Protein backbone atom coordinates (compact mmCIF):
# COMPACT_ATOMS: atom_id res chain seq x y z
CA MET A 1 -95.46 130.44 29.19
CA ALA A 2 -92.98 128.52 27.09
CA ARG A 3 -92.37 126.28 29.98
CA MET A 4 -96.10 125.62 30.27
CA GLN A 5 -96.28 124.58 26.62
CA THR A 6 -93.39 122.18 27.08
CA ILE A 7 -95.15 120.49 30.01
CA GLN A 8 -98.37 120.25 27.97
CA GLN A 9 -96.50 118.76 25.01
CA LEU A 10 -94.78 116.27 27.28
CA GLY A 11 -98.14 115.31 28.82
CA SER A 12 -99.83 114.87 25.46
CA SER A 13 -96.98 112.75 24.10
CA LEU A 14 -97.19 110.49 27.19
CA HIS A 15 -100.94 110.31 26.71
CA GLN A 16 -100.52 109.24 23.08
CA ARG A 17 -98.05 106.48 24.02
CA GLN A 18 -100.40 105.08 26.71
CA LYS A 19 -103.55 104.78 24.60
CA GLY A 20 -103.70 100.96 24.52
CA PHE A 21 -102.24 97.83 26.08
CA SER A 22 -99.00 96.48 24.83
CA LEU A 23 -98.76 92.91 23.58
CA LEU A 24 -96.54 92.04 26.53
CA GLU A 25 -99.15 93.20 29.05
CA VAL A 26 -101.84 91.12 27.32
CA LEU A 27 -99.63 88.00 27.32
CA ILE A 28 -98.83 88.40 31.02
CA THR A 29 -102.53 88.81 31.83
CA LEU A 30 -103.44 85.71 29.80
CA THR A 31 -100.71 83.67 31.53
CA ILE A 32 -101.91 84.66 35.00
CA THR A 33 -105.53 83.92 34.06
CA ALA A 34 -104.58 80.50 32.62
CA LEU A 35 -102.65 79.57 35.77
CA ALA A 36 -105.59 80.58 37.95
CA LEU A 37 -107.99 78.48 35.86
CA LEU A 38 -105.68 75.46 36.02
CA GLY A 39 -105.51 75.80 39.80
CA ALA A 40 -109.30 76.01 40.02
CA ALA A 41 -109.68 72.90 37.80
CA ASP A 42 -107.23 70.94 40.00
CA LEU A 43 -109.13 72.03 43.11
CA GLN A 44 -112.40 70.87 41.55
CA LEU A 45 -110.89 67.48 40.64
CA ARG A 46 -109.62 66.93 44.18
CA ALA A 47 -113.00 67.91 45.61
CA MET A 48 -114.73 65.35 43.37
CA GLN A 49 -112.28 62.61 44.39
CA THR A 50 -112.77 63.39 48.07
CA GLY A 51 -116.54 63.39 47.57
CA GLN A 52 -116.43 59.95 45.93
CA SER A 53 -114.23 58.61 48.70
CA SER A 54 -116.54 59.90 51.42
CA GLN A 55 -119.56 58.52 49.56
CA ALA A 56 -118.00 55.05 49.51
CA ARG A 57 -117.22 55.24 53.24
CA THR A 58 -120.77 56.40 53.98
CA GLN A 59 -122.20 53.48 51.99
CA ALA A 60 -120.01 51.05 53.94
CA VAL A 61 -121.18 52.53 57.25
CA LEU A 62 -124.83 52.34 56.17
CA LEU A 63 -124.48 48.74 54.96
CA ALA A 64 -122.82 47.64 58.21
CA SER A 65 -125.42 49.50 60.29
CA ASP A 66 -128.22 47.89 58.31
CA LEU A 67 -126.94 44.40 59.06
CA VAL A 68 -126.33 45.25 62.73
CA GLU A 69 -129.96 46.35 63.00
CA LYS A 70 -131.11 43.09 61.40
CA ILE A 71 -129.01 41.08 63.84
CA GLU A 72 -130.43 43.09 66.77
CA ALA A 73 -133.97 42.49 65.51
CA ASN A 74 -133.37 38.73 65.32
CA LYS A 75 -131.81 38.20 68.77
CA PRO A 76 -133.50 34.85 69.47
CA VAL A 77 -131.43 33.20 66.75
CA GLU A 78 -128.36 33.66 68.94
CA ALA A 79 -129.82 31.48 71.69
CA LEU A 80 -130.80 28.78 69.19
CA ASN A 81 -127.99 29.05 66.67
CA PRO A 82 -124.99 31.10 67.84
CA GLY A 83 -123.09 32.68 64.97
CA ALA A 84 -126.04 32.39 62.58
CA TYR A 85 -125.05 35.65 60.91
CA GLN A 86 -121.48 34.66 60.04
CA PHE A 87 -120.64 35.30 56.40
CA ASP A 88 -117.70 35.58 54.01
CA SER A 89 -118.04 37.09 50.53
CA SER A 90 -115.64 34.51 49.13
CA HIS A 91 -118.30 31.85 49.87
CA PRO A 92 -121.59 32.97 48.27
CA ALA A 93 -124.69 32.79 50.42
CA ALA A 94 -127.13 30.00 49.71
CA LEU A 95 -130.54 30.89 48.42
CA ALA A 96 -132.78 31.67 51.36
CA ALA A 97 -136.52 31.43 51.84
CA ASP A 98 -138.35 34.66 51.04
CA CYS A 99 -139.11 35.90 54.54
CA ALA A 100 -140.73 39.05 53.16
CA ALA A 101 -143.52 36.98 51.63
CA SER A 102 -143.97 34.30 54.30
CA LEU A 103 -143.19 33.52 57.92
CA CYS A 104 -139.75 32.13 58.63
CA SER A 105 -137.90 30.59 61.54
CA TYR A 106 -135.18 32.64 63.24
CA ALA A 107 -132.46 30.73 61.39
CA GLN A 108 -134.24 31.20 58.05
CA ARG A 109 -134.58 34.90 58.83
CA ALA A 110 -130.82 35.11 59.47
CA ALA A 111 -130.09 33.41 56.12
CA TYR A 112 -132.57 35.71 54.37
CA ASP A 113 -131.04 38.83 55.95
CA LEU A 114 -127.55 37.77 54.87
CA SER A 115 -128.75 36.95 51.37
CA ILE A 116 -130.38 40.36 50.91
CA TRP A 117 -127.41 42.18 52.49
CA ASN A 118 -124.95 40.27 50.30
CA SER A 119 -126.89 41.19 47.16
CA GLN A 120 -127.00 44.90 48.12
CA ILE A 121 -123.27 45.41 48.57
CA PRO A 122 -122.20 45.16 44.89
CA ILE A 123 -125.05 47.51 43.96
CA LEU A 124 -124.54 50.15 46.65
CA LEU A 125 -120.76 49.88 46.89
CA PRO A 126 -119.54 48.67 43.47
CA GLN A 127 -115.88 49.06 44.35
CA ALA A 128 -116.23 46.61 47.29
CA SER A 129 -113.72 43.78 47.14
CA THR A 130 -114.56 41.64 50.20
CA TRP A 131 -116.97 41.70 53.11
CA THR A 132 -117.18 39.43 56.13
CA VAL A 133 -119.32 38.97 59.19
CA SER A 134 -117.60 37.07 61.96
CA ALA A 135 -119.03 36.03 65.30
CA GLY A 136 -117.46 35.40 68.64
CA SER A 137 -118.33 35.65 72.29
CA ASN A 138 -116.99 37.83 75.04
CA ALA A 139 -116.11 36.92 78.64
CA ASN A 140 -119.79 37.17 79.66
CA GLY A 141 -120.85 34.69 77.00
CA LEU A 142 -122.53 37.38 74.87
CA SER A 143 -122.25 37.15 71.09
CA THR A 144 -120.11 39.74 69.39
CA TYR A 145 -120.31 40.33 65.64
CA THR A 146 -117.66 42.07 63.60
CA ILE A 147 -118.66 43.34 60.17
CA ALA A 148 -115.79 44.27 57.86
CA ILE A 149 -116.20 45.77 54.40
CA HIS A 150 -113.17 46.35 52.16
CA TRP A 151 -113.15 48.30 48.93
CA ASN A 152 -110.77 49.98 46.52
CA ASP A 153 -110.69 53.75 46.72
CA ARG A 154 -109.20 56.21 44.26
CA LYS A 155 -106.02 57.78 45.50
CA ALA A 156 -105.50 61.49 44.99
CA HIS A 157 -102.31 62.53 43.19
CA THR A 158 -99.36 62.46 45.58
CA ASN A 159 -95.63 62.23 45.16
CA ASN A 160 -95.76 58.47 45.78
CA ALA A 161 -98.54 57.50 43.38
CA THR A 162 -99.97 58.50 40.07
CA ALA A 163 -103.34 60.16 39.90
CA GLY A 164 -106.24 57.75 39.66
CA SER A 165 -104.45 54.77 41.22
CA MET A 166 -106.37 52.68 43.72
CA GLU A 167 -105.68 52.10 47.39
CA PRO A 168 -107.42 49.73 49.79
CA ALA A 169 -109.94 51.17 52.23
CA SER A 170 -112.10 49.48 54.82
CA TYR A 171 -114.72 49.94 57.49
CA GLN A 172 -115.24 47.70 60.48
CA ALA A 173 -118.11 47.67 62.97
CA THR A 174 -118.31 45.50 66.09
CA ARG A 175 -121.52 44.91 68.01
CA THR A 176 -122.25 42.87 71.11
CA ILE A 177 -125.72 41.31 71.19
CA TYR A 178 -127.28 41.54 74.66
């Protein structure tokens, strides 16, 4: 019986010592929680940067596709004026007749399409630096257009660069007009 009381006393004294958390346990828990939250915040930041980068690339693809469709729709201009859709952002497009309001010739339509397209790029892709449309012909004498759009994209934090620095990015589409 005496032995039973000793075990009970030992158990109750252990129970009294384990009533609450120690300060050390609380500090360790807070440190682990803080590290987990910092990791989650970094993951969220990288996801946002990747989302912005993919949005810029998608805009470039859509802009190039839009112009390709306009060139395809205005095929007769190639027979009359090969290379009518050539363009360089360093040389601003001349004002074109408003082909949405009135009828235009094929060449006027090409100038109008380029004017509208040129005005859309800074709005839809504000980080764009240069854009060009070059024309050539292949061995069969068919016109080939190359549309290149260059922009500055945010670089994610790496060992070689600081977070938030910019790096060049580009998209290029080539289309042969049949």
